[in-house]
């Protein structure tokens, strides 16, 4: 039986940063998005992932950094299982870390190259993981994360500071904004066609070219990210399913597990236990 396990928690720093420990075998993750930056390191195996039309491989001596709301796939590059640790700071949390630094005025950073080989950054990330896995102080964690983020996003030559602007036409940006605003509704192609002023065929082609997925799959990802926020509170699963636009709790559970490897209830228990 193939091993696919994910455990989630919130790091007690900067208003709670999502953290995941994941092990999987031949599982391949479909194209998906994270609300926050995905900053991770392998502990075992070789990982492959696709992003922006390119394919990458990473090993245990490298950091992988994927910008927030950037579509990517993932999987093992061999028959061996992959184990990795990832934290998902949101753009707002990154900007909170950068507050009162000379770099605050640049806005949210944008990482140009997703694979970073740097001994200092690697060691700082390992220190963060070590502290997460044992009782420690909030001051310690925030200090480590502060130094790591500044080192990673500012001091490394591979990383530049840019405002993250999606590579999409104004019409497609309107569709993306509409999905983020009305994800809880039963959005249809007619609505998106009207607000983008594009026929349905052109809309789907342009959306897929710019966002790398269909409007429907993007909507599902937005709903899952919104559901994660509600799962951190004491809401029933049926309420969350309907609040986020899923047809029912069963549909919600299937979609959630597809992208996280865990059920919504397991995710909530892990988060609330952290």
C-alpha atoms as a PDB file:
ATOM      1  CA  UNK A   1       0.000   0.000   0.000  1.00  0.00           C
ATOM      2  CA  UNK A   2       1.392   3.372  -1.005  1.00  0.00           C
ATOM      3  CA  UNK A   3       2.136   5.795   1.812  1.00  0.00           C
ATOM      4  CA  UNK A   4       0.573   9.254   1.455  1.00  0.00           C
ATOM      5  CA  UNK A   5       0.544  11.292   4.653  1.00  0.00           C
ATOM      6  CA  UNK A   6       0.250  14.990   5.439  1.00  0.00           C
ATOM      7  CA  UNK A   7       0.172  16.632   8.857  1.00  0.00           C
ATOM      8  CA  UNK A   8      -0.707  20.300   9.202  1.00  0.00           C
ATOM      9  CA  UNK A   9      -0.131  22.807  11.973  1.00  0.00           C
ATOM     10  CA  UNK A  10       0.144  26.538  12.567  1.00  0.00           C
ATOM     11  CA  UNK A  11       3.530  27.966  13.519  1.00  0.00           C
ATOM     12  CA  UNK A  12       3.153  30.205  16.555  1.00  0.00           C
ATOM     13  CA  UNK A  13       4.649  33.223  14.771  1.00  0.00           C
ATOM     14  CA  UNK A  14       3.372  36.175  12.783  1.00  0.00           C
ATOM     15  CA  UNK A  15      -0.306  35.436  13.487  1.00  0.00           C
ATOM     16  CA  UNK A  16       0.006  31.746  12.584  1.00  0.00           C
ATOM     17  CA  UNK A  17       1.892  30.463   9.523  1.00  0.00           C
ATOM     18  CA  UNK A  18       0.608  27.216   8.023  1.00  0.00           C
ATOM     19  CA  UNK A  19       3.141  24.375   8.152  1.00  0.00           C
ATOM     20  CA  UNK A  20       2.948  20.888   6.619  1.00  0.00           C
ATOM     21  CA  UNK A  21       4.931  17.660   6.963  1.00  0.00           C
ATOM     22  CA  UNK A  22       4.243  15.464   3.927  1.00  0.00           C
ATOM     23  CA  UNK A  23       5.342  12.006   2.801  1.00  0.00           C
ATOM     24  CA  UNK A  24       4.129  10.448  -0.425  1.00  0.00           C
ATOM     25  CA  UNK A  25       5.103   7.689  -2.812  1.00  0.00           C
ATOM     26  CA  UNK A  26       4.064   7.738  -6.459  1.00  0.00           C
ATOM     27  CA  UNK A  27       1.303  10.236  -5.728  1.00  0.00           C
ATOM     28  CA  UNK A  28       1.239  13.090  -8.249  1.00  0.00           C
ATOM     29  CA  UNK A  29      -0.368  16.353  -7.253  1.00  0.00           C
ATOM     30  CA  UNK A  30      -2.439  18.003  -9.986  1.00  0.00           C
ATOM     31  CA  UNK A  31      -1.995  21.664 -10.805  1.00  0.00           C
ATOM     32  CA  UNK A  32      -2.890  23.601  -7.656  1.00  0.00           C
ATOM     33  CA  UNK A  33      -2.411  26.937  -5.910  1.00  0.00           C
ATOM     34  CA  UNK A  34      -1.498  28.069  -2.414  1.00  0.00           C
ATOM     35  CA  UNK A  35      -2.762  31.262  -0.851  1.00  0.00           C
ATOM     36  CA  UNK A  36       0.700  31.769   0.632  1.00  0.00           C
ATOM     37  CA  UNK A  37       4.234  31.259  -0.574  1.00  0.00           C
ATOM     38  CA  UNK A  38       5.249  27.569  -0.499  1.00  0.00           C
ATOM     39  CA  UNK A  39       8.737  27.362   1.032  1.00  0.00           C
ATOM     40  CA  UNK A  40       9.924  23.800   1.514  1.00  0.00           C
ATOM     41  CA  UNK A  41      12.816  21.378   1.741  1.00  0.00           C
ATOM     42  CA  UNK A  42      13.033  17.655   1.061  1.00  0.00           C
ATOM     43  CA  UNK A  43      14.200  15.325   3.804  1.00  0.00           C
ATOM     44  CA  UNK A  44      14.086  12.238   1.569  1.00  0.00           C
ATOM     45  CA  UNK A  45      13.825  11.477  -2.139  1.00  0.00           C
ATOM     46  CA  UNK A  46      13.904  13.607  -5.265  1.00  0.00           C
ATOM     47  CA  UNK A  47      10.946  15.824  -6.061  1.00  0.00           C
ATOM     48  CA  UNK A  48       9.755  16.943  -9.464  1.00  0.00           C
ATOM     49  CA  UNK A  49       7.321  19.782 -10.109  1.00  0.00           C
ATOM     50  CA  UNK A  50       6.020  21.756 -13.034  1.00  0.00           C
ATOM     51  CA  UNK A  51       5.404  25.494 -13.055  1.00  0.00           C
ATOM     52  CA  UNK A  52       4.883  28.116 -15.763  1.00  0.00           C
ATOM     53  CA  UNK A  53       5.501  25.575 -18.506  1.00  0.00           C
ATOM     54  CA  UNK A  54       8.848  24.412 -17.052  1.00  0.00           C
ATOM     55  CA  UNK A  55       9.806  21.238 -15.163  1.00  0.00           C
ATOM     56  CA  UNK A  56      12.097  21.201 -12.121  1.00  0.00           C
ATOM     57  CA  UNK A  57      13.780  18.686  -9.810  1.00  0.00           C
ATOM     58  CA  UNK A  58      14.862  19.351  -6.239  1.00  0.00           C
ATOM     59  CA  UNK A  59      16.891  17.365  -3.700  1.00  0.00           C
ATOM     60  CA  UNK A  60      17.471  17.524   0.039  1.00  0.00           C
ATOM     61  CA  UNK A  61      20.200  20.172  -0.224  1.00  0.00           C
ATOM     62  CA  UNK A  62      17.912  22.700  -1.912  1.00  0.00           C
ATOM     63  CA  UNK A  63      15.056  24.968  -0.949  1.00  0.00           C
ATOM     64  CA  UNK A  64      11.979  25.222  -3.149  1.00  0.00           C
ATOM     65  CA  UNK A  65      10.176  28.562  -3.105  1.00  0.00           C
ATOM     66  CA  UNK A  66       6.941  29.019  -5.059  1.00  0.00           C
ATOM     67  CA  UNK A  67       5.256  32.402  -5.155  1.00  0.00           C
ATOM     68  CA  UNK A  68       1.805  32.808  -3.660  1.00  0.00           C
ATOM     69  CA  UNK A  69      -1.127  31.967  -5.944  1.00  0.00           C
ATOM     70  CA  UNK A  70       1.155  30.361  -8.551  1.00  0.00           C
ATOM     71  CA  UNK A  71      -0.053  27.171 -10.207  1.00  0.00           C
ATOM     72  CA  UNK A  72       2.251  24.148  -9.928  1.00  0.00           C
ATOM     73  CA  UNK A  73       2.213  20.356  -9.980  1.00  0.00           C
ATOM     74  CA  UNK A  74       4.270  17.964  -7.851  1.00  0.00           C
ATOM     75  CA  UNK A  75       5.447  14.379  -7.573  1.00  0.00           C
ATOM     76  CA  UNK A  76       8.315  11.997  -6.891  1.00  0.00           C
ATOM     77  CA  UNK A  77      11.059  11.821  -9.508  1.00  0.00           C
ATOM     78  CA  UNK A  78      11.836   8.190  -8.625  1.00  0.00           C
ATOM     79  CA  UNK A  79      10.297   5.077  -7.115  1.00  0.00           C
ATOM     80  CA  UNK A  80      11.450   6.210  -3.662  1.00  0.00           C
ATOM     81  CA  UNK A  81       9.020   8.085  -1.383  1.00  0.00           C
ATOM     82  CA  UNK A  82       9.414  11.824  -0.921  1.00  0.00           C
ATOM     83  CA  UNK A  83       9.297  13.493   2.488  1.00  0.00           C
ATOM     84  CA  UNK A  84       9.336  17.260   2.805  1.00  0.00           C
ATOM     85  CA  UNK A  85       8.551  20.089   5.203  1.00  0.00           C
ATOM     86  CA  UNK A  86       6.848  23.217   3.933  1.00  0.00           C
ATOM     87  CA  UNK A  87       5.657  26.490   5.406  1.00  0.00           C
ATOM     88  CA  UNK A  88       3.118  28.716   3.680  1.00  0.00           C
ATOM     89  CA  UNK A  89       3.493  32.364   4.781  1.00  0.00           C
ATOM     90  CA  UNK A  90       0.874  34.562   3.131  1.00  0.00           C
ATOM     91  CA  UNK A  91       1.884  37.762   1.303  1.00  0.00           C
ATOM     92  CA  UNK A  92       0.447  39.682   4.264  1.00  0.00           C
ATOM     93  CA  UNK A  93       2.679  37.754   6.680  1.00  0.00           C
ATOM     94  CA  UNK A  94       5.732  38.331   4.467  1.00  0.00           C
ATOM     95  CA  UNK A  95       4.984  42.057   4.416  1.00  0.00           C
ATOM     96  CA  UNK A  96       4.545  42.020   8.195  1.00  0.00           C
ATOM     97  CA  UNK A  97       8.037  40.512   8.481  1.00  0.00           C
ATOM     98  CA  UNK A  98       9.424  43.150   6.117  1.00  0.00           C
ATOM     99  CA  UNK A  99       7.738  46.011   7.974  1.00  0.00           C
ATOM    100  CA  UNK A 100      10.137  48.770   9.056  1.00  0.00           C
ATOM    101  CA  UNK A 101      12.925  47.392   6.865  1.00  0.00           C
ATOM    102  CA  UNK A 102      14.319  49.339   3.881  1.00  0.00           C
ATOM    103  CA  UNK A 103      12.603  46.793   1.623  1.00  0.00           C
ATOM    104  CA  UNK A 104       9.040  47.421   2.769  1.00  0.00           C
ATOM    105  CA  UNK A 105       8.464  49.979   0.015  1.00  0.00           C
ATOM    106  CA  UNK A 106       8.968  47.355  -2.717  1.00  0.00           C
ATOM    107  CA  UNK A 107       5.742  45.586  -1.810  1.00  0.00           C
ATOM    108  CA  UNK A 108       5.437  41.823  -1.786  1.00  0.00           C
ATOM    109  CA  UNK A 109       8.565  40.071  -3.133  1.00  0.00           C
ATOM    110  CA  UNK A 110       8.533  37.836  -6.188  1.00  0.00           C
ATOM    111  CA  UNK A 111      10.901  34.871  -6.424  1.00  0.00           C
ATOM    112  CA  UNK A 112      12.261  34.449  -9.946  1.00  0.00           C
ATOM    113  CA  UNK A 113      13.957  31.040  -9.592  1.00  0.00           C
ATOM    114  CA  UNK A 114      12.085  28.420  -7.515  1.00  0.00           C
ATOM    115  CA  UNK A 115      15.103  26.272  -6.550  1.00  0.00           C
ATOM    116  CA  UNK A 116      17.667  27.875  -4.237  1.00  0.00           C
ATOM    117  CA  UNK A 117      20.924  26.199  -3.198  1.00  0.00           C
ATOM    118  CA  UNK A 118      22.378  28.236  -0.355  1.00  0.00           C
ATOM    119  CA  UNK A 119      23.946  26.783   2.791  1.00  0.00           C
ATOM    120  CA  UNK A 120      22.931  29.676   5.078  1.00  0.00           C
ATOM    121  CA  UNK A 121      19.288  29.663   3.965  1.00  0.00           C
ATOM    122  CA  UNK A 122      19.171  25.860   4.231  1.00  0.00           C
ATOM    123  CA  UNK A 123      20.561  25.884   7.758  1.00  0.00           C
ATOM    124  CA  UNK A 124      18.120  28.597   8.877  1.00  0.00           C
ATOM    125  CA  UNK A 125      15.205  26.582   7.499  1.00  0.00           C
ATOM    126  CA  UNK A 126      16.427  23.442   9.294  1.00  0.00           C
ATOM    127  CA  UNK A 127      16.662  25.433  12.539  1.00  0.00           C
ATOM    128  CA  UNK A 128      13.046  26.565  12.086  1.00  0.00           C
ATOM    129  CA  UNK A 129      11.894  22.953  11.579  1.00  0.00           C
ATOM    130  CA  UNK A 130      13.866  21.854  14.640  1.00  0.00           C
ATOM    131  CA  UNK A 131      12.234  24.520  16.810  1.00  0.00           C
ATOM    132  CA  UNK A 132       8.753  23.766  15.473  1.00  0.00           C
ATOM    133  CA  UNK A 133       9.122  20.129  16.517  1.00  0.00           C
ATOM    134  CA  UNK A 134       9.923  20.918  20.135  1.00  0.00           C
ATOM    135  CA  UNK A 135       8.574  23.275  22.825  1.00  0.00           C
ATOM    136  CA  UNK A 136       9.969  26.718  22.131  1.00  0.00           C
ATOM    137  CA  UNK A 137       9.134  30.392  22.554  1.00  0.00           C
ATOM    138  CA  UNK A 138       7.290  32.597  20.106  1.00  0.00           C
ATOM    139  CA  UNK A 139      10.204  35.036  20.273  1.00  0.00           C
ATOM    140  CA  UNK A 140      12.613  32.318  19.148  1.00  0.00           C
ATOM    141  CA  UNK A 141      10.457  31.239  16.206  1.00  0.00           C
ATOM    142  CA  UNK A 142       9.734  34.777  15.030  1.00  0.00           C
ATOM    143  CA  UNK A 143      13.428  35.685  15.236  1.00  0.00           C
ATOM    144  CA  UNK A 144      14.439  32.641  13.187  1.00  0.00           C
ATOM    145  CA  UNK A 145      11.713  33.203  10.584  1.00  0.00           C
ATOM    146  CA  UNK A 146      12.548  36.911  10.362  1.00  0.00           C
ATOM    147  CA  UNK A 147      16.200  36.161   9.634  1.00  0.00           C
ATOM    148  CA  UNK A 148      15.329  33.380   7.212  1.00  0.00           C
ATOM    149  CA  UNK A 149      12.853  35.426   5.147  1.00  0.00           C
ATOM    150  CA  UNK A 150      15.169  38.428   4.899  1.00  0.00           C
ATOM    151  CA  UNK A 151      18.088  36.197   3.954  1.00  0.00           C
ATOM    152  CA  UNK A 152      16.058  34.235   1.435  1.00  0.00           C
ATOM    153  CA  UNK A 153      14.077  36.975  -0.266  1.00  0.00           C
ATOM    154  CA  UNK A 154      16.517  39.851  -0.094  1.00  0.00           C
ATOM    155  CA  UNK A 155      20.135  38.784   0.302  1.00  0.00           C
ATOM    156  CA  UNK A 156      20.236  35.968  -2.259  1.00  0.00           C
ATOM    157  CA  UNK A 157      21.316  36.835  -5.786  1.00  0.00           C
ATOM    158  CA  UNK A 158      18.703  34.502  -7.292  1.00  0.00           C
ATOM    159  CA  UNK A 159      15.821  36.494  -5.817  1.00  0.00           C
ATOM    160  CA  UNK A 160      14.615  39.899  -6.931  1.00  0.00           C
ATOM    161  CA  UNK A 161      12.029  42.163  -5.399  1.00  0.00           C
ATOM    162  CA  UNK A 162       9.043  42.843  -7.593  1.00  0.00           C
ATOM    163  CA  UNK A 163       5.375  43.359  -7.012  1.00  0.00           C
ATOM    164  CA  UNK A 164       3.728  40.102  -7.970  1.00  0.00           C
ATOM    165  CA  UNK A 165       1.484  40.899 -10.933  1.00  0.00           C
ATOM    166  CA  UNK A 166      -0.203  37.971 -12.704  1.00  0.00           C
ATOM    167  CA  UNK A 167       0.772  37.601 -16.347  1.00  0.00           C
ATOM    168  CA  UNK A 168      -2.759  37.986 -17.587  1.00  0.00           C
ATOM    169  CA  UNK A 169      -4.805  40.383 -19.683  1.00  0.00           C
ATOM    170  CA  UNK A 170      -7.184  42.833 -17.954  1.00  0.00           C
ATOM    171  CA  UNK A 171     -10.100  40.634 -19.077  1.00  0.00           C
ATOM    172  CA  UNK A 172      -8.698  37.518 -17.405  1.00  0.00           C
ATOM    173  CA  UNK A 173      -7.778  39.493 -14.285  1.00  0.00           C
ATOM    174  CA  UNK A 174     -11.438  40.490 -14.044  1.00  0.00           C
ATOM    175  CA  UNK A 175     -12.414  36.812 -14.210  1.00  0.00           C
ATOM    176  CA  UNK A 176      -9.889  35.908 -11.492  1.00  0.00           C
ATOM    177  CA  UNK A 177     -11.113  38.761  -9.264  1.00  0.00           C
ATOM    178  CA  UNK A 178     -14.725  37.717  -9.860  1.00  0.00           C
ATOM    179  CA  UNK A 179     -13.959  34.130  -8.783  1.00  0.00           C
ATOM    180  CA  UNK A 180     -12.238  35.382  -5.616  1.00  0.00           C
ATOM    181  CA  UNK A 181     -15.225  37.603  -4.812  1.00  0.00           C
ATOM    182  CA  UNK A 182     -18.015  35.106  -5.546  1.00  0.00           C
ATOM    183  CA  UNK A 183     -16.404  31.701  -4.948  1.00  0.00           C
ATOM    184  CA  UNK A 184     -19.386  30.731  -2.766  1.00  0.00           C
ATOM    185  CA  UNK A 185     -21.796  31.030  -5.681  1.00  0.00           C
ATOM    186  CA  UNK A 186     -22.565  28.581  -8.484  1.00  0.00           C
ATOM    187  CA  UNK A 187     -20.596  30.631 -11.022  1.00  0.00           C
ATOM    188  CA  UNK A 188     -21.209  29.788 -14.671  1.00  0.00           C
ATOM    189  CA  UNK A 189     -19.461  30.533 -17.951  1.00  0.00           C
ATOM    190  CA  UNK A 190     -22.129  33.031 -18.989  1.00  0.00           C
ATOM    191  CA  UNK A 191     -21.272  35.249 -16.010  1.00  0.00           C
ATOM    192  CA  UNK A 192     -17.541  35.113 -16.704  1.00  0.00           C
ATOM    193  CA  UNK A 193     -18.132  35.719 -20.392  1.00  0.00           C
ATOM    194  CA  UNK A 194     -20.156  38.848 -19.630  1.00  0.00           C
ATOM    195  CA  UNK A 195     -17.725  40.370 -17.139  1.00  0.00           C
ATOM    196  CA  UNK A 196     -14.703  39.648 -19.368  1.00  0.00           C
ATOM    197  CA  UNK A 197     -16.454  40.628 -22.616  1.00  0.00           C
ATOM    198  CA  UNK A 198     -15.099  37.432 -24.199  1.00  0.00           C
ATOM    199  CA  UNK A 199     -16.920  34.589 -25.892  1.00  0.00           C
ATOM    200  CA  UNK A 200     -16.778  31.321 -23.933  1.00  0.00           C
ATOM    201  CA  UNK A 201     -14.259  29.628 -26.200  1.00  0.00           C
ATOM    202  CA  UNK A 202     -11.836  32.570 -26.045  1.00  0.00           C
ATOM    203  CA  UNK A 203     -12.385  32.941 -22.294  1.00  0.00           C
ATOM    204  CA  UNK A 204     -11.416  29.336 -21.557  1.00  0.00           C
ATOM    205  CA  UNK A 205      -8.388  29.442 -23.873  1.00  0.00           C
ATOM    206  CA  UNK A 206      -7.134  32.782 -22.513  1.00  0.00           C
ATOM    207  CA  UNK A 207      -7.753  31.774 -18.897  1.00  0.00           C
ATOM    208  CA  UNK A 208      -5.837  28.516 -19.351  1.00  0.00           C
ATOM    209  CA  UNK A 209      -2.983  30.292 -21.141  1.00  0.00           C
ATOM    210  CA  UNK A 210      -2.594  32.880 -18.373  1.00  0.00           C
ATOM    211  CA  UNK A 211      -3.560  30.983 -15.207  1.00  0.00           C
ATOM    212  CA  UNK A 212      -2.458  27.523 -16.441  1.00  0.00           C
ATOM    213  CA  UNK A 213      -5.752  25.893 -15.503  1.00  0.00           C
ATOM    214  CA  UNK A 214      -9.451  26.126 -16.287  1.00  0.00           C
ATOM    215  CA  UNK A 215     -11.797  28.589 -14.543  1.00  0.00           C
ATOM    216  CA  UNK A 216     -13.528  25.656 -12.822  1.00  0.00           C
ATOM    217  CA  UNK A 217     -10.318  24.160 -11.398  1.00  0.00           C
ATOM    218  CA  UNK A 218      -9.183  27.590 -10.260  1.00  0.00           C
ATOM    219  CA  UNK A 219     -12.532  28.090  -8.522  1.00  0.00           C
ATOM    220  CA  UNK A 220     -12.094  24.761  -6.668  1.00  0.00           C
ATOM    221  CA  UNK A 221      -8.657  25.865  -5.438  1.00  0.00           C
ATOM    222  CA  UNK A 222      -9.989  29.206  -4.206  1.00  0.00           C
ATOM    223  CA  UNK A 223     -12.766  27.372  -2.353  1.00  0.00           C
ATOM    224  CA  UNK A 224     -10.272  25.002  -0.687  1.00  0.00           C
ATOM    225  CA  UNK A 225      -8.080  27.896   0.455  1.00  0.00           C
ATOM    226  CA  UNK A 226     -11.126  29.692   1.888  1.00  0.00           C
ATOM    227  CA  UNK A 227     -12.255  26.468   3.578  1.00  0.00           C
ATOM    228  CA  UNK A 228      -8.880  26.179   5.326  1.00  0.00           C
ATOM    229  CA  UNK A 229      -9.528  29.531   6.992  1.00  0.00           C
ATOM    230  CA  UNK A 230     -12.943  28.406   8.231  1.00  0.00           C
ATOM    231  CA  UNK A 231     -11.579  25.059   9.421  1.00  0.00           C
ATOM    232  CA  UNK A 232      -9.444  26.957  11.917  1.00  0.00           C
ATOM    233  CA  UNK A 233     -12.656  27.998  13.649  1.00  0.00           C
ATOM    234  CA  UNK A 234     -15.411  25.966  15.254  1.00  0.00           C
ATOM    235  CA  UNK A 235     -17.689  25.619  12.227  1.00  0.00           C
ATOM    236  CA  UNK A 236     -19.386  22.396  11.143  1.00  0.00           C
ATOM    237  CA  UNK A 237     -18.117  20.706   7.995  1.00  0.00           C
ATOM    238  CA  UNK A 238     -21.539  20.943   6.351  1.00  0.00           C
ATOM    239  CA  UNK A 239     -21.610  24.698   7.039  1.00  0.00           C
ATOM    240  CA  UNK A 240     -18.116  25.163   5.588  1.00  0.00           C
ATOM    241  CA  UNK A 241     -18.979  23.101   2.513  1.00  0.00           C
ATOM    242  CA  UNK A 242     -22.002  25.259   1.705  1.00  0.00           C
ATOM    243  CA  UNK A 243     -20.275  28.506   2.719  1.00  0.00           C
ATOM    244  CA  UNK A 244     -17.468  27.793   0.262  1.00  0.00           C
ATOM    245  CA  UNK A 245     -19.766  26.818  -2.598  1.00  0.00           C
ATOM    246  CA  UNK A 246     -19.383  23.035  -2.610  1.00  0.00           C
ATOM    247  CA  UNK A 247     -22.511  21.094  -3.494  1.00  0.00           C
ATOM    248  CA  UNK A 248     -22.374  19.083  -0.258  1.00  0.00           C
ATOM    249  CA  UNK A 249     -20.009  17.831   2.439  1.00  0.00           C
ATOM    250  CA  UNK A 250     -19.017  14.770   0.424  1.00  0.00           C
ATOM    251  CA  UNK A 251     -17.989  16.905  -2.566  1.00  0.00           C
ATOM    252  CA  UNK A 252     -16.039  19.196  -0.247  1.00  0.00           C
ATOM    253  CA  UNK A 253     -14.176  16.258   1.323  1.00  0.00           C
ATOM    254  CA  UNK A 254     -13.240  14.722  -2.039  1.00  0.00           C
ATOM    255  CA  UNK A 255     -11.836  17.981  -3.405  1.00  0.00           C
ATOM    256  CA  UNK A 256     -10.014  18.864  -0.182  1.00  0.00           C
ATOM    257  CA  UNK A 257      -8.311  15.478   0.099  1.00  0.00           C
ATOM    258  CA  UNK A 258      -7.249  15.512  -3.548  1.00  0.00           C
ATOM    259  CA  UNK A 259      -4.990  18.512  -2.934  1.00  0.00           C
ATOM    260  CA  UNK A 260      -3.980  18.081   0.730  1.00  0.00           C
ATOM    261  CA  UNK A 261      -3.924  14.262   1.222  1.00  0.00           C
ATOM    262  CA  UNK A 262      -6.094  14.677   4.342  1.00  0.00           C
ATOM    263  CA  UNK A 263      -9.794  15.120   5.032  1.00  0.00           C
ATOM    264  CA  UNK A 264     -11.097  18.504   6.204  1.00  0.00           C
ATOM    265  CA  UNK A 265     -11.722  17.063   9.674  1.00  0.00           C
ATOM    266  CA  UNK A 266      -8.167  15.706   9.957  1.00  0.00           C
ATOM    267  CA  UNK A 267      -6.782  19.059   8.824  1.00  0.00           C
ATOM    268  CA  UNK A 268      -8.839  20.921  11.423  1.00  0.00           C
ATOM    269  CA  UNK A 269      -7.817  18.581  14.258  1.00  0.00           C
ATOM    270  CA  UNK A 270      -4.139  19.012  13.355  1.00  0.00           C
ATOM    271  CA  UNK A 271      -4.411  22.803  13.136  1.00  0.00           C
ATOM    272  CA  UNK A 272      -6.342  23.189  16.397  1.00  0.00           C
ATOM    273  CA  UNK A 273      -3.928  20.869  18.176  1.00  0.00           C
ATOM    274  CA  UNK A 274      -0.920  22.983  17.191  1.00  0.00           C
END
